[in-house]
C-alpha atoms as a PDB file:
ATOM      1  CA  MET A   1       1.629  13.629  -3.111  1.00  0.00           C
ATOM      2  CA  LYS A   2       2.081  13.745  -6.865  1.00  0.00           C
ATOM      3  CA  THR A   3       4.241  11.391  -8.909  1.00  0.00           C
ATOM      4  CA  SER A   4       6.975  14.002  -9.242  1.00  0.00           C
ATOM      5  CA  GLU A   5       7.024  14.536  -5.469  1.00  0.00           C
ATOM      6  CA  LEU A   6       7.257  10.793  -4.820  1.00  0.00           C
ATOM      7  CA  LEU A   7      10.132  10.413  -7.274  1.00  0.00           C
ATOM      8  CA  GLU A   8      11.900  13.449  -5.765  1.00  0.00           C
ATOM      9  CA  LEU A   9      11.464  11.927  -2.291  1.00  0.00           C
ATOM     10  CA  LEU A  10      13.037   8.672  -3.432  1.00  0.00           C
ATOM     11  CA  ALA A  11      15.879  10.585  -5.107  1.00  0.00           C
ATOM     12  CA  ARG A  12      16.560  12.595  -1.918  1.00  0.00           C
ATOM     13  CA  GLU A  13      16.745   9.308  -0.006  1.00  0.00           C
ATOM     14  CA  ASN A  14      19.036   7.949  -2.748  1.00  0.00           C
ATOM     15  CA  ILE A  15      16.646   5.047  -3.389  1.00  0.00           C
ATOM     16  CA  GLU A  16      15.812   3.558  -6.772  1.00  0.00           C
ATOM     17  CA  GLU A  17      12.328   2.101  -7.179  1.00  0.00           C
ATOM     18  CA  LYS A  18      13.661  -1.356  -8.067  1.00  0.00           C
ATOM     19  CA  GLU A  19      15.664  -1.493  -4.800  1.00  0.00           C
ATOM     20  CA  LEU A  20      12.661  -0.972  -2.525  1.00  0.00           C
ATOM     21  CA  PRO A  21      11.607  -4.626  -2.089  1.00  0.00           C
ATOM     22  CA  THR A  22      15.118  -5.692  -1.092  1.00  0.00           C
ATOM     23  CA  LEU A  23      15.566  -2.689   1.194  1.00  0.00           C
ATOM     24  CA  LEU A  24      12.293  -3.462   2.968  1.00  0.00           C
ATOM     25  CA  VAL A  25      12.942  -7.203   3.359  1.00  0.00           C
ATOM     26  CA  ASN A  26      16.463  -6.538   4.653  1.00  0.00           C
ATOM     27  CA  ALA A  27      15.243  -3.901   7.101  1.00  0.00           C
ATOM     28  CA  LEU A  28      12.418  -6.149   8.338  1.00  0.00           C
ATOM     29  CA  THR A  29      14.873  -9.021   8.780  1.00  0.00           C
ATOM     30  CA  LYS A  30      17.311  -6.843  10.725  1.00  0.00           C
ATOM     31  CA  ALA A  31      14.521  -5.453  12.940  1.00  0.00           C
ATOM     32  CA  LYS A  32      12.934  -8.903  13.393  1.00  0.00           C
ATOM     33  CA  LYS A  33       9.585  -7.502  12.240  1.00  0.00           C
ATOM     34  CA  ARG A  34       6.898  -8.828   9.915  1.00  0.00           C
ATOM     35  CA  VAL A  35       4.642  -7.235   7.294  1.00  0.00           C
ATOM     36  CA  ALA A  36       1.294  -8.095   5.724  1.00  0.00           C
ATOM     37  CA  THR A  37      -0.547  -6.468   2.837  1.00  0.00           C
ATOM     38  CA  ALA A  38      -4.135  -5.768   1.803  1.00  0.00           C
ATOM     39  CA  GLU A  39      -4.257  -4.658  -1.809  1.00  0.00           C
ATOM     40  CA  SER A  40      -6.975  -3.428  -4.085  1.00  0.00           C
ATOM     41  CA  CYS A  41      -5.710  -1.391  -7.062  1.00  0.00           C
ATOM     42  CA  THR A  42      -2.270  -3.032  -6.957  1.00  0.00           C
ATOM     43  CA  GLY A  43      -3.826  -6.501  -7.152  1.00  0.00           C
ATOM     44  CA  GLY A  44      -1.070  -8.359  -5.314  1.00  0.00           C
ATOM     45  CA  MET A  45       1.870  -6.482  -6.788  1.00  0.00           C
ATOM     46  CA  ILE A  46       3.186  -5.417  -3.355  1.00  0.00           C
ATOM     47  CA  SER A  47       3.084  -9.009  -2.167  1.00  0.00           C
ATOM     48  CA  ALA A  48       4.811 -10.103  -5.367  1.00  0.00           C
ATOM     49  CA  ALA A  49       7.509  -7.451  -4.957  1.00  0.00           C
ATOM     50  CA  ILE A  50       8.215  -8.488  -1.374  1.00  0.00           C
ATOM     51  CA  THR A  51       8.195 -12.223  -2.097  1.00  0.00           C
ATOM     52  CA  SER A  52      10.512 -11.743  -5.078  1.00  0.00           C
ATOM     53  CA  VAL A  53      13.284 -11.175  -2.521  1.00  0.00           C
ATOM     54  CA  SER A  54      15.077 -14.177  -1.073  1.00  0.00           C
ATOM     55  CA  GLY A  55      14.401 -14.359   2.653  1.00  0.00           C
ATOM     56  CA  ALA A  56      10.940 -12.804   2.407  1.00  0.00           C
ATOM     57  CA  SER A  57       9.387 -15.871   4.046  1.00  0.00           C
ATOM     58  CA  GLY A  58      10.971 -14.771   7.311  1.00  0.00           C
ATOM     59  CA  VAL A  59       9.248 -11.371   7.281  1.00  0.00           C
ATOM     60  CA  PHE A  60       6.104 -11.626   5.142  1.00  0.00           C
ATOM     61  CA  ASP A  61       2.950 -12.983   6.759  1.00  0.00           C
ATOM     62  CA  CYS A  62       0.257 -12.687   4.123  1.00  0.00           C
ATOM     63  CA  GLY A  63      -1.139 -10.693   1.275  1.00  0.00           C
ATOM     64  CA  VAL A  64      -4.847 -10.256   0.693  1.00  0.00           C
ATOM     65  CA  CYS A  65      -6.022  -9.125  -2.716  1.00  0.00           C
ATOM     66  CA  SER A  66      -9.212  -7.414  -1.611  1.00  0.00           C
ATOM     67  CA  TYR A  67     -10.467  -6.057  -4.907  1.00  0.00           C
ATOM     68  CA  ALA A  68     -14.158  -6.486  -4.116  1.00  0.00           C
ATOM     69  CA  ASN A  69     -15.825  -4.488  -1.356  1.00  0.00           C
ATOM     70  CA  PHE A  70     -17.296  -7.578   0.273  1.00  0.00           C
ATOM     71  CA  ILE A  71     -13.764  -9.006   0.627  1.00  0.00           C
ATOM     72  CA  LYS A  72     -12.562  -5.700   2.071  1.00  0.00           C
ATOM     73  CA  HIS A  73     -15.340  -6.086   4.620  1.00  0.00           C
ATOM     74  CA  LYS A  74     -15.402  -9.849   5.296  1.00  0.00           C
ATOM     75  CA  VAL A  75     -11.684 -10.610   5.173  1.00  0.00           C
ATOM     76  CA  VAL A  76      -9.808  -7.482   6.243  1.00  0.00           C
ATOM     77  CA  GLY A  77     -12.528  -5.905   8.354  1.00  0.00           C
ATOM     78  CA  VAL A  78     -13.368  -2.660   6.593  1.00  0.00           C
ATOM     79  CA  ARG A  79     -16.657  -1.506   8.078  1.00  0.00           C
ATOM     80  CA  GLU A  80     -19.646  -1.467   5.719  1.00  0.00           C
ATOM     81  CA  GLU A  81     -20.388   2.031   6.998  1.00  0.00           C
ATOM     82  CA  THR A  82     -16.962   3.176   5.821  1.00  0.00           C
ATOM     83  CA  LEU A  83     -17.459   1.680   2.365  1.00  0.00           C
ATOM     84  CA  ASN A  84     -20.977   3.088   2.039  1.00  0.00           C
ATOM     85  CA  THR A  85     -20.087   6.558   3.318  1.00  0.00           C
ATOM     86  CA  TYR A  86     -16.596   7.168   1.892  1.00  0.00           C
ATOM     87  CA  GLY A  87     -16.253   4.527  -0.829  1.00  0.00           C
ATOM     88  CA  ALA A  88     -13.620   1.937  -1.533  1.00  0.00           C
ATOM     89  CA  VAL A  89     -11.186   4.622  -2.681  1.00  0.00           C
ATOM     90  CA  SER A  90     -10.740   6.694   0.463  1.00  0.00           C
ATOM     91  CA  ASP A  91      -8.263   7.336   3.214  1.00  0.00           C
ATOM     92  CA  LYS A  92     -10.653   5.732   5.716  1.00  0.00           C
ATOM     93  CA  THR A  93     -10.866   2.510   3.706  1.00  0.00           C
ATOM     94  CA  ALA A  94      -7.089   2.389   3.240  1.00  0.00           C
ATOM     95  CA  ALA A  95      -6.614   2.855   6.992  1.00  0.00           C
ATOM     96  CA  GLU A  96      -9.088   0.114   7.890  1.00  0.00           C
ATOM     97  CA  MET A  97      -7.548  -2.241   5.322  1.00  0.00           C
ATOM     98  CA  ALA A  98      -4.048  -1.728   6.749  1.00  0.00           C
ATOM     99  CA  ARG A  99      -5.206  -2.165  10.328  1.00  0.00           C
ATOM    100  CA  GLY A 100      -7.361  -5.151   9.430  1.00  0.00           C
ATOM    101  CA  VAL A 101      -4.641  -7.096   7.652  1.00  0.00           C
ATOM    102  CA  ARG A 102      -2.184  -6.360  10.461  1.00  0.00           C
ATOM    103  CA  LEU A 103      -4.612  -7.715  13.033  1.00  0.00           C
ATOM    104  CA  LEU A 104      -5.623 -10.664  10.825  1.00  0.00           C
ATOM    105  CA  SER A 105      -2.022 -11.772  10.352  1.00  0.00           C
ATOM    106  CA  GLY A 106      -0.408 -10.673  13.591  1.00  0.00           C
ATOM    107  CA  ALA A 107       2.215  -8.762  11.594  1.00  0.00           C
ATOM    108  CA  ASP A 108       4.026  -5.722  12.956  1.00  0.00           C
ATOM    109  CA  ILE A 109       3.153  -3.604   9.921  1.00  0.00           C
ATOM    110  CA  GLY A 110       0.026  -3.676   7.787  1.00  0.00           C
ATOM    111  CA  VAL A 111       0.208  -2.016   4.373  1.00  0.00           C
ATOM    112  CA  SER A 112      -2.730  -1.328   2.090  1.00  0.00           C
ATOM    113  CA  THR A 113      -3.519   0.244  -1.258  1.00  0.00           C
ATOM    114  CA  THR A 114      -6.811   1.314  -2.741  1.00  0.00           C
ATOM    115  CA  GLY A 115      -7.246   3.547  -5.738  1.00  0.00           C
ATOM    116  CA  ILE A 116      -8.197   4.111  -9.344  1.00  0.00           C
ATOM    117  CA  ALA A 117      -5.564   2.802 -11.733  1.00  0.00           C
ATOM    118  CA  GLY A 118      -7.647   3.543 -14.827  1.00  0.00           C
ATOM    119  CA  PRO A 119      -8.042   4.084 -17.596  1.00  0.00           C
ATOM    120  CA  LEU A 120     -11.722   3.766 -16.589  1.00  0.00           C
ATOM    121  CA  GLY A 121     -13.356   4.616 -13.288  1.00  0.00           C
ATOM    122  CA  GLY A 122     -12.157   8.138 -12.657  1.00  0.00           C
ATOM    123  CA  THR A 123     -14.448  11.017 -11.725  1.00  0.00           C
ATOM    124  CA  PRO A 124     -13.796  14.721 -11.137  1.00  0.00           C
ATOM    125  CA  TYR A 125     -13.687  13.975  -7.387  1.00  0.00           C
ATOM    126  CA  LYS A 126     -11.718  10.753  -7.660  1.00  0.00           C
ATOM    127  CA  PRO A 127      -9.542  10.968 -10.778  1.00  0.00           C
ATOM    128  CA  VAL A 128      -7.569   8.186 -12.407  1.00  0.00           C
ATOM    129  CA  GLY A 129      -4.311   7.925 -10.498  1.00  0.00           C
ATOM    130  CA  LEU A 130      -5.807   8.639  -7.069  1.00  0.00           C
ATOM    131  CA  VAL A 131      -4.369   6.064  -4.669  1.00  0.00           C
ATOM    132  CA  TYR A 132      -4.415   5.838  -0.894  1.00  0.00           C
ATOM    133  CA  VAL A 133      -1.721   3.898   0.932  1.00  0.00           C
ATOM    134  CA  GLY A 134      -2.463   2.822   4.489  1.00  0.00           C
ATOM    135  CA  ILE A 135       0.174   1.945   7.065  1.00  0.00           C
ATOM    136  CA  SER A 136      -0.724   0.372  10.408  1.00  0.00           C
ATOM    137  CA  THR A 137       1.437  -0.542  13.390  1.00  0.00           C
ATOM    138  CA  ALA A 138       0.678  -1.027  17.050  1.00  0.00           C
ATOM    139  CA  MET A 139       1.863   2.578  17.522  1.00  0.00           C
ATOM    140  CA  GLY A 140      -0.551   4.112  15.054  1.00  0.00           C
ATOM    141  CA  LEU A 141      -2.255   4.323  11.738  1.00  0.00           C
ATOM    142  CA  HIS A 142      -1.865   6.772   8.881  1.00  0.00           C
ATOM    143  CA  THR A 143      -2.570   7.139   5.214  1.00  0.00           C
ATOM    144  CA  GLU A 144      -0.911   8.823   2.280  1.00  0.00           C
ATOM    145  CA  LYS A 145      -2.900  10.321  -0.587  1.00  0.00           C
ATOM    146  CA  LEU A 146      -1.197   9.939  -3.948  1.00  0.00           C
ATOM    147  CA  LEU A 147      -2.059  11.528  -7.283  1.00  0.00           C
ATOM    148  CA  LEU A 148      -0.208   9.314  -9.730  1.00  0.00           C
ATOM    149  CA  GLY A 149      -2.034  10.096 -12.973  1.00  0.00           C
ATOM    150  CA  GLU A 150       0.062  13.061 -14.036  1.00  0.00           C
ATOM    151  CA  ASN A 151       1.820  13.053 -17.405  1.00  0.00           C
ATOM    152  CA  ASN A 152      -0.872  10.677 -18.709  1.00  0.00           C
ATOM    153  CA  ALA A 153       0.554   7.773 -16.727  1.00  0.00           C
ATOM    154  CA  ASP A 154      -0.974   4.504 -17.853  1.00  0.00           C
ATOM    155  CA  ARG A 155      -2.554   1.850 -15.650  1.00  0.00           C
ATOM    156  CA  GLU A 156       0.628  -0.167 -15.239  1.00  0.00           C
ATOM    157  CA  ARG A 157       2.748   2.842 -14.281  1.00  0.00           C
ATOM    158  CA  ILE A 158       0.154   4.034 -11.758  1.00  0.00           C
ATOM    159  CA  ARG A 159       0.179   0.578 -10.159  1.00  0.00           C
ATOM    160  CA  GLU A 160       4.001   0.433 -10.163  1.00  0.00           C
ATOM    161  CA  LEU A 161       4.206   3.839  -8.506  1.00  0.00           C
ATOM    162  CA  ALA A 162       1.629   2.804  -5.902  1.00  0.00           C
ATOM    163  CA  VAL A 163       3.737  -0.263  -5.083  1.00  0.00           C
ATOM    164  CA  SER A 164       6.873   1.860  -4.776  1.00  0.00           C
ATOM    165  CA  ALA A 165       5.094   4.312  -2.501  1.00  0.00           C
ATOM    166  CA  ALA A 166       3.692   1.535  -0.307  1.00  0.00           C
ATOM    167  CA  LEU A 167       7.100  -0.122   0.051  1.00  0.00           C
ATOM    168  CA  PHE A 168       8.758   3.223   0.792  1.00  0.00           C
ATOM    169  CA  PHE A 169       6.213   4.238   3.437  1.00  0.00           C
ATOM    170  CA  ALA A 170       6.463   0.793   5.057  1.00  0.00           C
ATOM    171  CA  LEU A 171      10.250   1.168   5.147  1.00  0.00           C
ATOM    172  CA  LYS A 172       9.963   4.622   6.749  1.00  0.00           C
ATOM    173  CA  GLU A 173       7.432   3.318   9.291  1.00  0.00           C
ATOM    174  CA  LEU A 174       9.763   0.471  10.192  1.00  0.00           C
ATOM    175  CA  GLU A 175      12.423   3.006  11.152  1.00  0.00           C
ATOM    176  CA  LYS A 176      10.056   4.279  13.876  1.00  0.00           C
ATOM    177  CA  LEU A 177       9.500   0.845  15.454  1.00  0.00           C
END
């Protein structure tokens, strides 16, 4: 999903990016569900967005900033084989991060991000702006591939968009629980 597609999706749902943390916390509170995060490229920004909302302590279990691969492995349980075969920036890693943080915390929903926010680090196969969001619940696990580097988006905007996407996909997943 490209930036334009993400923004169009939010517009169709009549959701502004800045409303997402409050919408998620309110929905989690109403559903009596909890969320936990494992973040790489967003560096704690999802956790910060959630905890910026009053009442978040009732629905937020933990946030792990797993920037280094050994933390992805040791703390949130990403298999070394996954990291060695697919890399830190992959759908498989995002999935294992989301599942791992959900199991670690006992939360109902695990959310993860891993990607290349730039401006350095991109390759032809994994360009700047490539982000994977992982969502894990007891009912299943899925990932979303995002290409957020269009229109020369800078590092901060790529990270902001990744946070918005993660919050949105968590909100949509919550509707299924």
